[in-house]
PDB file of N, CA and C in Angstrom:
ATOM      1  N   MET A   1       0.842  -1.174   0.000  1.00  0.00           N
ATOM      2  CA  MET A   1       0.000   0.000   0.000  1.00  0.00           C
ATOM      3  C   MET A   1       0.895   1.247   0.000  1.00  0.00           C
ATOM      4  N   SER A   2       0.547   2.190  -0.879  1.00  0.00           N
ATOM      5  CA  SER A   2       1.341   3.417  -0.948  1.00  0.00           C
ATOM      6  C   SER A   2       0.994   4.349   0.212  1.00  0.00           C
ATOM      7  N   ALA A   3       1.908   5.268   0.495  1.00  0.00           N
ATOM      8  CA  ALA A   3       1.686   6.243   1.568  1.00  0.00           C
ATOM      9  C   ALA A   3       0.478   7.120   1.254  1.00  0.00           C
ATOM     10  N   LEU A   4       0.276   7.456  -0.030  1.00  0.00           N
ATOM     11  CA  LEU A   4      -0.874   8.284  -0.391  1.00  0.00           C
ATOM     12  C   LEU A   4      -2.175   7.521  -0.183  1.00  0.00           C
ATOM     13  N   LYS A   5      -2.247   6.272  -0.619  1.00  0.00           N
ATOM     14  CA  LYS A   5      -3.458   5.487  -0.408  1.00  0.00           C
ATOM     15  C   LYS A   5      -3.749   5.363   1.078  1.00  0.00           C
ATOM     16  N   ASP A   6      -2.731   5.108   1.864  1.00  0.00           N
ATOM     17  CA  ASP A   6      -2.890   4.986   3.312  1.00  0.00           C
ATOM     18  C   ASP A   6      -3.420   6.289   3.912  1.00  0.00           C
ATOM     19  N   ALA A   7      -2.872   7.425   3.479  1.00  0.00           N
ATOM     20  CA  ALA A   7      -3.318   8.727   4.002  1.00  0.00           C
ATOM     21  C   ALA A   7      -4.770   9.005   3.610  1.00  0.00           C
ATOM     22  N   LEU A   8      -5.133   8.675   2.375  1.00  0.00           N
ATOM     23  CA  LEU A   8      -6.519   8.881   1.937  1.00  0.00           C
ATOM     24  C   LEU A   8      -7.469   7.966   2.693  1.00  0.00           C
ATOM     25  N   ASP A   9      -7.092   6.717   2.874  1.00  0.00           N
ATOM     26  CA  ASP A   9      -7.914   5.783   3.654  1.00  0.00           C
ATOM     27  C   ASP A   9      -8.143   6.308   5.065  1.00  0.00           C
ATOM     28  N   THR A  10      -7.114   6.918   5.638  1.00  0.00           N
ATOM     29  CA  THR A  10      -7.209   7.440   7.004  1.00  0.00           C
ATOM     30  C   THR A  10      -8.274   8.517   7.135  1.00  0.00           C
ATOM     31  N   ILE A  11      -8.471   9.319   6.088  1.00  0.00           N
ATOM     32  CA  ILE A  11      -9.492  10.373   6.159  1.00  0.00           C
ATOM     33  C   ILE A  11     -10.805   9.948   5.498  1.00  0.00           C
ATOM     34  N   GLY A  12     -10.913   8.667   5.158  1.00  0.00           N
ATOM     35  CA  GLY A  12     -12.169   8.135   4.630  1.00  0.00           C
ATOM     36  C   GLY A  12     -12.397   8.344   3.151  1.00  0.00           C
ATOM     37  N   VAL A  13     -11.340   8.628   2.402  1.00  0.00           N
ATOM     38  CA  VAL A  13     -11.463   8.793   0.954  1.00  0.00           C
ATOM     39  C   VAL A  13     -11.015   7.489   0.295  1.00  0.00           C
ATOM     40  N   PRO A  14     -11.940   6.811  -0.410  1.00  0.00           N
ATOM     41  CA  PRO A  14     -11.560   5.551  -1.060  1.00  0.00           C
ATOM     42  C   PRO A  14     -10.460   5.782  -2.092  1.00  0.00           C
ATOM     43  N   ALA A  15      -9.490   4.883  -2.112  1.00  0.00           N
ATOM     44  CA  ALA A  15      -8.375   4.996  -3.046  1.00  0.00           C
ATOM     45  C   ALA A  15      -7.841   3.610  -3.363  1.00  0.00           C
ATOM     46  N   GLU A  16      -7.224   3.503  -4.532  1.00  0.00           N
ATOM     47  CA  GLU A  16      -6.581   2.244  -4.902  1.00  0.00           C
ATOM     48  C   GLU A  16      -5.290   2.535  -5.645  1.00  0.00           C
ATOM     49  N   ASP A  17      -4.285   1.741  -5.355  1.00  0.00           N
ATOM     50  CA  ASP A  17      -3.007   1.885  -6.034  1.00  0.00           C
ATOM     51  C   ASP A  17      -3.114   1.339  -7.452  1.00  0.00           C
ATOM     52  N   LEU A  18      -2.536   2.069  -8.410  1.00  0.00           N
ATOM     53  CA  LEU A  18      -2.458   1.646  -9.798  1.00  0.00           C
ATOM     54  C   LEU A  18      -0.991   1.459 -10.178  1.00  0.00           C
ATOM     55  N   PRO A  19      -0.728   0.743 -11.249  1.00  0.00           N
ATOM     56  CA  PRO A  19       0.664   0.616 -11.704  1.00  0.00           C
ATOM     57  C   PRO A  19       1.264   1.984 -12.031  1.00  0.00           C
ATOM     58  N   GLY A  20       2.566   2.078 -11.917  1.00  0.00           N
ATOM     59  CA  GLY A  20       3.268   3.303 -12.258  1.00  0.00           C
ATOM     60  C   GLY A  20       3.241   4.370 -11.184  1.00  0.00           C
ATOM     61  N   GLY A  21       2.892   3.985  -9.959  1.00  0.00           N
ATOM     62  CA  GLY A  21       2.892   4.951  -8.865  1.00  0.00           C
ATOM     63  C   GLY A  21       1.665   5.833  -8.784  1.00  0.00           C
ATOM     64  N   LEU A  22       0.649   5.539  -9.585  1.00  0.00           N
ATOM     65  CA  LEU A  22      -0.584   6.331  -9.544  1.00  0.00           C
ATOM     66  C   LEU A  22      -1.512   5.816  -8.459  1.00  0.00           C
ATOM     67  N   VAL A  23      -2.321   6.723  -7.927  1.00  0.00           N
ATOM     68  CA  VAL A  23      -3.365   6.367  -6.980  1.00  0.00           C
ATOM     69  C   VAL A  23      -4.681   6.857  -7.553  1.00  0.00           C
ATOM     70  N   LYS A  24      -5.642   5.962  -7.643  1.00  0.00           N
ATOM     71  CA  LYS A  24      -6.961   6.277  -8.191  1.00  0.00           C
ATOM     72  C   LYS A  24      -7.935   6.564  -7.059  1.00  0.00           C
ATOM     73  N   LEU A  25      -8.730   7.612  -7.238  1.00  0.00           N
ATOM     74  CA  LEU A  25      -9.782   7.969  -6.303  1.00  0.00           C
ATOM     75  C   LEU A  25     -11.102   7.787  -7.044  1.00  0.00           C
ATOM     76  N   PRO A  26     -11.720   6.618  -6.924  1.00  0.00           N
ATOM     77  CA  PRO A  26     -12.962   6.369  -7.650  1.00  0.00           C
ATOM     78  C   PRO A  26     -14.142   7.101  -7.007  1.00  0.00           C
ATOM     79  N   GLY A  27     -15.035   7.590  -7.847  1.00  0.00           N
ATOM     80  CA  GLY A  27     -16.260   8.206  -7.341  1.00  0.00           C
ATOM     81  C   GLY A  27     -16.047   9.474  -6.554  1.00  0.00           C
ATOM     82  N   PHE A  28     -15.116  10.321  -6.975  1.00  0.00           N
ATOM     83  CA  PHE A  28     -14.825  11.570  -6.263  1.00  0.00           C
ATOM     84  C   PHE A  28     -15.883  12.606  -6.621  1.00  0.00           C
ATOM     85  N   GLN A  29     -16.496  13.204  -5.623  1.00  0.00           N
ATOM     86  CA  GLN A  29     -17.557  14.188  -5.805  1.00  0.00           C
ATOM     87  C   GLN A  29     -16.973  15.564  -6.124  1.00  0.00           C
ATOM     88  N   VAL A  30     -17.463  16.180  -7.206  1.00  0.00           N
ATOM     89  CA  VAL A  30     -17.042  17.533  -7.577  1.00  0.00           C
ATOM     90  C   VAL A  30     -17.860  18.520  -6.753  1.00  0.00           C
ATOM     91  N   HIS A  31     -17.175  19.404  -6.005  1.00  0.00           N
ATOM     92  CA  HIS A  31     -17.847  20.326  -5.092  1.00  0.00           C
ATOM     93  C   HIS A  31     -17.907  21.762  -5.589  1.00  0.00           C
ATOM     94  N   LEU A  32     -17.152  22.093  -6.636  1.00  0.00           N
ATOM     95  CA  LEU A  32     -17.057  23.469  -7.103  1.00  0.00           C
ATOM     96  C   LEU A  32     -17.177  23.532  -8.620  1.00  0.00           C
ATOM     97  N   GLY A  33     -17.522  24.694  -9.135  1.00  0.00           N
ATOM     98  CA  GLY A  33     -17.462  24.941 -10.568  1.00  0.00           C
ATOM     99  C   GLY A  33     -18.645  24.423 -11.353  1.00  0.00           C
ATOM    100  N   ARG A  34     -18.492  24.429 -12.661  1.00  0.00           N
ATOM    101  CA  ARG A  34     -19.609  24.089 -13.541  1.00  0.00           C
ATOM    102  C   ARG A  34     -19.963  22.612 -13.533  1.00  0.00           C
ATOM    103  N   HIS A  35     -19.112  21.770 -12.946  1.00  0.00           N
ATOM    104  CA  HIS A  35     -19.403  20.340 -12.847  1.00  0.00           C
ATOM    105  C   HIS A  35     -19.792  19.925 -11.425  1.00  0.00           C
ATOM    106  N   LYS A  36     -20.135  20.919 -10.608  1.00  0.00           N
ATOM    107  CA  LYS A  36     -20.534  20.656  -9.214  1.00  0.00           C
ATOM    108  C   LYS A  36     -21.660  19.621  -9.189  1.00  0.00           C
ATOM    109  N   GLY A  37     -21.512  18.661  -8.298  1.00  0.00           N
ATOM    110  CA  GLY A  37     -22.510  17.613  -8.145  1.00  0.00           C
ATOM    111  C   GLY A  37     -22.211  16.352  -8.952  1.00  0.00           C
ATOM    112  N   GLU A  38     -21.298  16.440  -9.913  1.00  0.00           N
ATOM    113  CA  GLU A  38     -20.923  15.259 -10.680  1.00  0.00           C
ATOM    114  C   GLU A  38     -19.936  14.414  -9.884  1.00  0.00           C
ATOM    115  N   THR A  39     -19.854  13.156 -10.261  1.00  0.00           N
ATOM    116  CA  THR A  39     -18.914  12.233  -9.645  1.00  0.00           C
ATOM    117  C   THR A  39     -17.977  11.726 -10.727  1.00  0.00           C
ATOM    118  N   VAL A  40     -16.675  11.774 -10.471  1.00  0.00           N
ATOM    119  CA  VAL A  40     -15.672  11.341 -11.449  1.00  0.00           C
ATOM    120  C   VAL A  40     -14.619  10.469 -10.770  1.00  0.00           C
ATOM    121  N   ASP A  41     -13.945   9.684 -11.573  1.00  0.00           N
ATOM    122  CA  ASP A  41     -12.770   8.966 -11.099  1.00  0.00           C
ATOM    123  C   ASP A  41     -11.555   9.845 -11.363  1.00  0.00           C
ATOM    124  N   LEU A  42     -10.652   9.904 -10.407  1.00  0.00           N
ATOM    125  CA  LEU A  42      -9.427  10.700 -10.511  1.00  0.00           C
ATOM    126  C   LEU A  42      -8.222   9.803 -10.301  1.00  0.00           C
ATOM    127  N   ALA A  43      -7.080  10.273 -10.762  1.00  0.00           N
ATOM    128  CA  ALA A  43      -5.818   9.601 -10.444  1.00  0.00           C
ATOM    129  C   ALA A  43      -4.728  10.661 -10.336  1.00  0.00           C
ATOM    130  N   VAL A  44      -3.842  10.474  -9.378  1.00  0.00           N
ATOM    131  CA  VAL A  44      -2.691  11.356  -9.194  1.00  0.00           C
ATOM    132  C   VAL A  44      -1.461  10.491  -8.947  1.00  0.00           C
ATOM    133  N   VAL A  45      -0.306  11.045  -9.250  1.00  0.00           N
ATOM    134  CA  VAL A  45       0.938  10.348  -8.944  1.00  0.00           C
ATOM    135  C   VAL A  45       1.136  10.406  -7.441  1.00  0.00           C
ATOM    136  N   GLY A  46       1.303   9.256  -6.844  1.00  0.00           N
ATOM    137  CA  GLY A  46       1.455   9.207  -5.395  1.00  0.00           C
ATOM    138  C   GLY A  46       2.729   8.544  -4.944  1.00  0.00           C
ATOM    139  N   SER A  47       3.611   8.224  -5.884  1.00  0.00           N
ATOM    140  CA  SER A  47       4.807   7.461  -5.532  1.00  0.00           C
ATOM    141  C   SER A  47       5.756   8.207  -4.612  1.00  0.00           C
ATOM    142  N   ASP A  48       5.732   9.531  -4.628  1.00  0.00           N
ATOM    143  CA  ASP A  48       6.631  10.281  -3.755  1.00  0.00           C
ATOM    144  C   ASP A  48       5.869  11.133  -2.730  1.00  0.00           C
ATOM    145  N   PHE A  49       4.621  10.773  -2.480  1.00  0.00           N
ATOM    146  CA  PHE A  49       3.831  11.477  -1.475  1.00  0.00           C
ATOM    147  C   PHE A  49       4.407  11.180  -0.101  1.00  0.00           C
ATOM    148  N   PRO A  50       4.548  12.139   0.772  1.00  0.00           N
ATOM    149  CA  PRO A  50       4.101  13.530   0.736  1.00  0.00           C
ATOM    150  C   PRO A  50       5.192  14.529   0.354  1.00  0.00           C
ATOM    151  N   MET A  51       6.314  14.053  -0.146  1.00  0.00           N
ATOM    152  CA  MET A  51       7.441  14.943  -0.419  1.00  0.00           C
ATOM    153  C   MET A  51       7.187  15.937  -1.542  1.00  0.00           C
ATOM    154  N   THR A  52       6.565  15.475  -2.616  1.00  0.00           N
ATOM    155  CA  THR A  52       6.401  16.299  -3.800  1.00  0.00           C
ATOM    156  C   THR A  52       4.923  16.489  -4.118  1.00  0.00           C
ATOM    157  N   PRO A  53       4.513  17.710  -4.423  1.00  0.00           N
ATOM    158  CA  PRO A  53       3.108  17.917  -4.793  1.00  0.00           C
ATOM    159  C   PRO A  53       2.831  17.328  -6.175  1.00  0.00           C
ATOM    160  N   PRO A  54       1.577  17.011  -6.458  1.00  0.00           N
ATOM    161  CA  PRO A  54       1.252  16.489  -7.784  1.00  0.00           C
ATOM    162  C   PRO A  54       1.468  17.558  -8.857  1.00  0.00           C
ATOM    163  N   ALA A  55       1.875  17.111 -10.033  1.00  0.00           N
ATOM    164  CA  ALA A  55       2.069  18.033 -11.165  1.00  0.00           C
ATOM    165  C   ALA A  55       0.803  18.168 -11.993  1.00  0.00           C
ATOM    166  N   GLY A  56      -0.158  17.330 -11.702  1.00  0.00           N
ATOM    167  CA  GLY A  56      -1.406  17.368 -12.457  1.00  0.00           C
ATOM    168  C   GLY A  56      -2.356  16.302 -11.970  1.00  0.00           C
ATOM    169  N   LEU A  57      -3.462  16.218 -12.673  1.00  0.00           N
ATOM    170  CA  LEU A  57      -4.557  15.368 -12.242  1.00  0.00           C
ATOM    171  C   LEU A  57      -5.144  14.658 -13.450  1.00  0.00           C
ATOM    172  N   HIS A  58      -5.314  13.360 -13.361  1.00  0.00           N
ATOM    173  CA  HIS A  58      -5.972  12.575 -14.402  1.00  0.00           C
ATOM    174  C   HIS A  58      -7.457  12.483 -14.027  1.00  0.00           C
ATOM    175  N   ILE A  59      -8.331  12.846 -14.955  1.00  0.00           N
ATOM    176  CA  ILE A  59      -9.773  12.850 -14.700  1.00  0.00           C
ATOM    177  C   ILE A  59     -10.464  11.976 -15.731  1.00  0.00           C
ATOM    178  N   HIS A  60     -11.262  11.029 -15.257  1.00  0.00           N
ATOM    179  CA  HIS A  60     -12.038  10.175 -16.159  1.00  0.00           C
ATOM    180  C   HIS A  60     -13.375  10.873 -16.420  1.00  0.00           C
ATOM    181  N   ALA A  61     -13.373  11.710 -17.433  1.00  0.00           N
ATOM    182  CA  ALA A  61     -14.567  12.476 -17.797  1.00  0.00           C
ATOM    183  C   ALA A  61     -14.406  12.953 -19.229  1.00  0.00           C
ATOM    184  N   ASP A  62     -15.523  13.272 -19.861  1.00  0.00           N
ATOM    185  CA  ASP A  62     -15.454  13.742 -21.247  1.00  0.00           C
ATOM    186  C   ASP A  62     -15.422  15.260 -21.333  1.00  0.00           C
ATOM    187  N   TRP A  63     -15.136  15.920 -20.233  1.00  0.00           N
ATOM    188  CA  TRP A  63     -15.056  17.372 -20.236  1.00  0.00           C
ATOM    189  C   TRP A  63     -13.635  17.826 -19.921  1.00  0.00           C
ATOM    190  N   GLY A  64     -13.371  19.083 -20.250  1.00  0.00           N
ATOM    191  CA  GLY A  64     -12.075  19.662 -19.926  1.00  0.00           C
ATOM    192  C   GLY A  64     -11.219  20.001 -21.112  1.00  0.00           C
ATOM    193  N   SER A  65     -11.554  19.462 -22.292  1.00  0.00           N
ATOM    194  CA  SER A  65     -10.676  19.706 -23.438  1.00  0.00           C
ATOM    195  C   SER A  65     -10.686  21.165 -23.886  1.00  0.00           C
ATOM    196  N   ASP A  66     -11.656  21.951 -23.409  1.00  0.00           N
ATOM    197  CA  ASP A  66     -11.710  23.376 -23.741  1.00  0.00           C
ATOM    198  C   ASP A  66     -10.885  24.228 -22.773  1.00  0.00           C
ATOM    199  N   ARG A  67     -10.224  23.587 -21.819  1.00  0.00           N
ATOM    200  CA  ARG A  67      -9.416  24.297 -20.826  1.00  0.00           C
ATOM    201  C   ARG A  67      -7.939  24.267 -21.222  1.00  0.00           C
ATOM    202  N   PRO A  68      -7.161  25.267 -20.780  1.00  0.00           N
ATOM    203  CA  PRO A  68      -5.723  25.251 -21.096  1.00  0.00           C
ATOM    204  C   PRO A  68      -5.005  24.108 -20.382  1.00  0.00           C
ATOM    205  N   ASN A  69      -3.944  23.629 -21.004  1.00  0.00           N
ATOM    206  CA  ASN A  69      -3.072  22.598 -20.442  1.00  0.00           C
ATOM    207  C   ASN A  69      -3.816  21.306 -20.096  1.00  0.00           C
ATOM    208  N   VAL A  70      -4.731  20.901 -20.978  1.00  0.00           N
ATOM    209  CA  VAL A  70      -5.446  19.636 -20.814  1.00  0.00           C
ATOM    210  C   VAL A  70      -5.141  18.774 -22.033  1.00  0.00           C
ATOM    211  N   SER A  71      -4.815  17.524 -21.787  1.00  0.00           N
ATOM    212  CA  SER A  71      -4.504  16.593 -22.876  1.00  0.00           C
ATOM    213  C   SER A  71      -5.115  15.230 -22.559  1.00  0.00           C
ATOM    214  N   VAL A  72      -5.072  14.341 -23.539  1.00  0.00           N
ATOM    215  CA  VAL A  72      -5.508  12.972 -23.291  1.00  0.00           C
ATOM    216  C   VAL A  72      -4.498  12.329 -22.345  1.00  0.00           C
ATOM    217  N   SER A  73      -5.007  11.662 -21.352  1.00  0.00           N
ATOM    218  CA  SER A  73      -4.157  11.027 -20.347  1.00  0.00           C
ATOM    219  C   SER A  73      -3.579   9.716 -20.874  1.00  0.00           C
ATOM    220  N   PRO A  74      -2.421   9.331 -20.388  1.00  0.00           N
ATOM    221  CA  PRO A  74      -1.890   8.012 -20.727  1.00  0.00           C
ATOM    222  C   PRO A  74      -2.748   6.872 -20.172  1.00  0.00           C
ATOM    223  N   LEU A  75      -3.723   7.190 -19.324  1.00  0.00           N
ATOM    224  CA  LEU A  75      -4.624   6.163 -18.795  1.00  0.00           C
ATOM    225  C   LEU A  75      -5.666   5.733 -19.813  1.00  0.00           C
ATOM    226  N   GLY A  76      -5.811   6.487 -20.911  1.00  0.00           N
ATOM    227  CA  GLY A  76      -6.752   6.089 -21.951  1.00  0.00           C
ATOM    228  C   GLY A  76      -7.488   7.266 -22.557  1.00  0.00           C
ATOM    229  N   GLN A  77      -8.173   7.005 -23.671  1.00  0.00           N
ATOM    230  CA  GLN A  77      -8.896   8.042 -24.402  1.00  0.00           C
ATOM    231  C   GLN A  77     -10.026   8.678 -23.590  1.00  0.00           C
ATOM    232  N   ASP A  78     -10.561   7.963 -22.620  1.00  0.00           N
ATOM    233  CA  ASP A  78     -11.653   8.485 -21.795  1.00  0.00           C
ATOM    234  C   ASP A  78     -11.153   9.311 -20.615  1.00  0.00           C
ATOM    235  N   TRP A  79      -9.857   9.430 -20.486  1.00  0.00           N
ATOM    236  CA  TRP A  79      -9.259  10.176 -19.388  1.00  0.00           C
ATOM    237  C   TRP A  79      -8.633  11.459 -19.922  1.00  0.00           C
ATOM    238  N   ARG A  80      -8.669  12.520 -19.117  1.00  0.00           N
ATOM    239  CA  ARG A  80      -8.016  13.782 -19.448  1.00  0.00           C
ATOM    240  C   ARG A  80      -6.958  14.054 -18.379  1.00  0.00           C
ATOM    241  N   TYR A  81      -5.826  14.612 -18.835  1.00  0.00           N
ATOM    242  CA  TYR A  81      -4.777  15.000 -17.905  1.00  0.00           C
ATOM    243  C   TYR A  81      -4.759  16.515 -17.807  1.00  0.00           C
ATOM    244  N   PHE A  82      -5.005  17.028 -16.616  1.00  0.00           N
ATOM    245  CA  PHE A  82      -4.978  18.458 -16.331  1.00  0.00           C
ATOM    246  C   PHE A  82      -3.621  18.768 -15.716  1.00  0.00           C
ATOM    247  N   SER A  83      -2.766  19.410 -16.494  1.00  0.00           N
ATOM    248  CA  SER A  83      -1.446  19.786 -16.007  1.00  0.00           C
ATOM    249  C   SER A  83      -1.591  21.055 -15.173  1.00  0.00           C
ATOM    250  N   ARG A  84      -1.534  20.895 -13.871  1.00  0.00           N
ATOM    251  CA  ARG A  84      -1.711  22.015 -12.947  1.00  0.00           C
ATOM    252  C   ARG A  84      -0.705  21.902 -11.821  1.00  0.00           C
ATOM    253  N   LYS A  85       0.136  22.885 -11.705  1.00  0.00           N
ATOM    254  CA  LYS A  85       1.143  22.903 -10.649  1.00  0.00           C
ATOM    255  C   LYS A  85       0.497  23.317  -9.327  1.00  0.00           C
ATOM    256  N   HIS A  86       0.901  22.655  -8.270  1.00  0.00           N
ATOM    257  CA  HIS A  86       0.461  23.042  -6.925  1.00  0.00           C
ATOM    258  C   HIS A  86       1.424  24.117  -6.449  1.00  0.00           C
ATOM    259  N   SER A  87       0.915  25.298  -6.173  1.00  0.00           N
ATOM    260  CA  SER A  87       1.778  26.443  -5.900  1.00  0.00           C
ATOM    261  C   SER A  87       2.345  26.503  -4.483  1.00  0.00           C
ATOM    262  N   ASP A  88       1.691  25.883  -3.524  1.00  0.00           N
ATOM    263  CA  ASP A  88       2.152  26.031  -2.142  1.00  0.00           C
ATOM    264  C   ASP A  88       1.968  24.717  -1.387  1.00  0.00           C
ATOM    265  N   TRP A  89       2.975  23.879  -1.424  1.00  0.00           N
ATOM    266  CA  TRP A  89       2.900  22.560  -0.804  1.00  0.00           C
ATOM    267  C   TRP A  89       3.503  22.613   0.590  1.00  0.00           C
ATOM    268  N   LYS A  90       2.895  23.429   1.437  1.00  0.00           N
ATOM    269  CA  LYS A  90       3.379  23.573   2.808  1.00  0.00           C
ATOM    270  C   LYS A  90       2.195  23.450   3.745  1.00  0.00           C
ATOM    271  N   GLY A  91       2.404  22.811   4.838  1.00  0.00           N
ATOM    272  CA  GLY A  91       1.338  22.676   5.823  1.00  0.00           C
ATOM    273  C   GLY A  91       1.558  21.444   6.664  1.00  0.00           C
ATOM    274  N   ARG A  92       0.724  21.313   7.652  1.00  0.00           N
ATOM    275  CA  ARG A  92       0.876  20.209   8.583  1.00  0.00           C
ATOM    276  C   ARG A  92       0.273  18.907   8.072  1.00  0.00           C
ATOM    277  N   ASN A  93      -0.666  18.989   7.139  1.00  0.00           N
ATOM    278  CA  ASN A  93      -1.346  17.786   6.707  1.00  0.00           C
ATOM    279  C   ASN A  93      -1.384  17.704   5.182  1.00  0.00           C
ATOM    280  N   PRO A  94      -0.409  17.030   4.574  1.00  0.00           N
ATOM    281  CA  PRO A  94      -0.326  16.976   3.112  1.00  0.00           C
ATOM    282  C   PRO A  94      -1.552  16.359   2.440  1.00  0.00           C
ATOM    283  N   VAL A  95      -2.218  15.413   3.080  1.00  0.00           N
ATOM    284  CA  VAL A  95      -3.386  14.809   2.433  1.00  0.00           C
ATOM    285  C   VAL A  95      -4.526  15.827   2.324  1.00  0.00           C
ATOM    286  N   HIS A  96      -4.655  16.722   3.293  1.00  0.00           N
ATOM    287  CA  HIS A  96      -5.671  17.780   3.190  1.00  0.00           C
ATOM    288  C   HIS A  96      -5.273  18.810   2.131  1.00  0.00           C
ATOM    289  N   LEU A  97      -3.984  19.072   1.992  1.00  0.00           N
ATOM    290  CA  LEU A  97      -3.518  19.942   0.906  1.00  0.00           C
ATOM    291  C   LEU A  97      -3.852  19.322  -0.449  1.00  0.00           C
ATOM    292  N   LEU A  98      -3.692  18.007  -0.548  1.00  0.00           N
ATOM    293  CA  LEU A  98      -4.009  17.315  -1.791  1.00  0.00           C
ATOM    294  C   LEU A  98      -5.504  17.420  -2.114  1.00  0.00           C
ATOM    295  N   ILE A  99      -6.356  17.192  -1.139  1.00  0.00           N
ATOM    296  CA  ILE A  99      -7.810  17.278  -1.375  1.00  0.00           C
ATOM    297  C   ILE A  99      -8.190  18.696  -1.794  1.00  0.00           C
ATOM    298  N   ALA A 100      -7.613  19.707  -1.169  1.00  0.00           N
ATOM    299  CA  ALA A 100      -7.888  21.095  -1.562  1.00  0.00           C
ATOM    300  C   ALA A 100      -7.428  21.345  -2.996  1.00  0.00           C
ATOM    301  N   TYR A 101      -6.270  20.798  -3.355  1.00  0.00           N
ATOM    302  CA  TYR A 101      -5.755  20.909  -4.725  1.00  0.00           C
ATOM    303  C   TYR A 101      -6.709  20.246  -5.714  1.00  0.00           C
ATOM    304  N   LEU A 102      -7.172  19.033  -5.404  1.00  0.00           N
ATOM    305  CA  LEU A 102      -8.108  18.343  -6.292  1.00  0.00           C
ATOM    306  C   LEU A 102      -9.377  19.174  -6.489  1.00  0.00           C
ATOM    307  N   ASN A 103      -9.903  19.691  -5.408  1.00  0.00           N
ATOM    308  CA  ASN A 103     -11.113  20.502  -5.496  1.00  0.00           C
ATOM    309  C   ASN A 103     -10.892  21.770  -6.322  1.00  0.00           C
ATOM    310  N   ARG A 104      -9.736  22.366  -6.179  1.00  0.00           N
ATOM    311  CA  ARG A 104      -9.426  23.583  -6.944  1.00  0.00           C
ATOM    312  C   ARG A 104      -9.343  23.282  -8.441  1.00  0.00           C
ATOM    313  N   VAL A 105      -8.646  22.205  -8.813  1.00  0.00           N
ATOM    314  CA  VAL A 105      -8.530  21.827 -10.222  1.00  0.00           C
ATOM    315  C   VAL A 105      -9.903  21.479 -10.789  1.00  0.00           C
ATOM    316  N   LEU A 106     -10.674  20.697 -10.061  1.00  0.00           N
ATOM    317  CA  LEU A 106     -12.008  20.329 -10.534  1.00  0.00           C
ATOM    318  C   LEU A 106     -12.933  21.532 -10.640  1.00  0.00           C
ATOM    319  N   GLY A 107     -12.781  22.480  -9.731  1.00  0.00           N
ATOM    320  CA  GLY A 107     -13.602  23.691  -9.782  1.00  0.00           C
ATOM    321  C   GLY A 107     -13.331  24.523 -11.004  1.00  0.00           C
ATOM    322  N   ASP A 108     -12.140  24.384 -11.566  1.00  0.00           N
ATOM    323  CA  ASP A 108     -11.751  25.139 -12.756  1.00  0.00           C
ATOM    324  C   ASP A 108     -11.920  24.335 -14.040  1.00  0.00           C
ATOM    325  N   ALA A 109     -12.318  23.083 -13.903  1.00  0.00           N
ATOM    326  CA  ALA A 109     -12.359  22.176 -15.075  1.00  0.00           C
ATOM    327  C   ALA A 109     -13.443  22.512 -16.074  1.00  0.00           C
TER     328      ALA A 109
END
């Protein structure tokens, strides 16, 4: 089990390890933006959590291609990769920083 999956499990967020150091968050609820209320599967690189912030977010959804820095994800044609840098990876609880980052990216999607 990866450190990121363990941290997400601790706060009650379902997660599963994927090959290549990715962690999938199935059924993640979108809380902000034009997709508020939708549920999507997400994946982030978790192999070096909590040392390094994610460089982007893989979203299993058919939306987002009209946004800057969005491409087809290596996870497949049904996935989009949102290249978004986390600007401030400081704090006492990295898993809460990650959830805030996910919500921010999804709110802008």
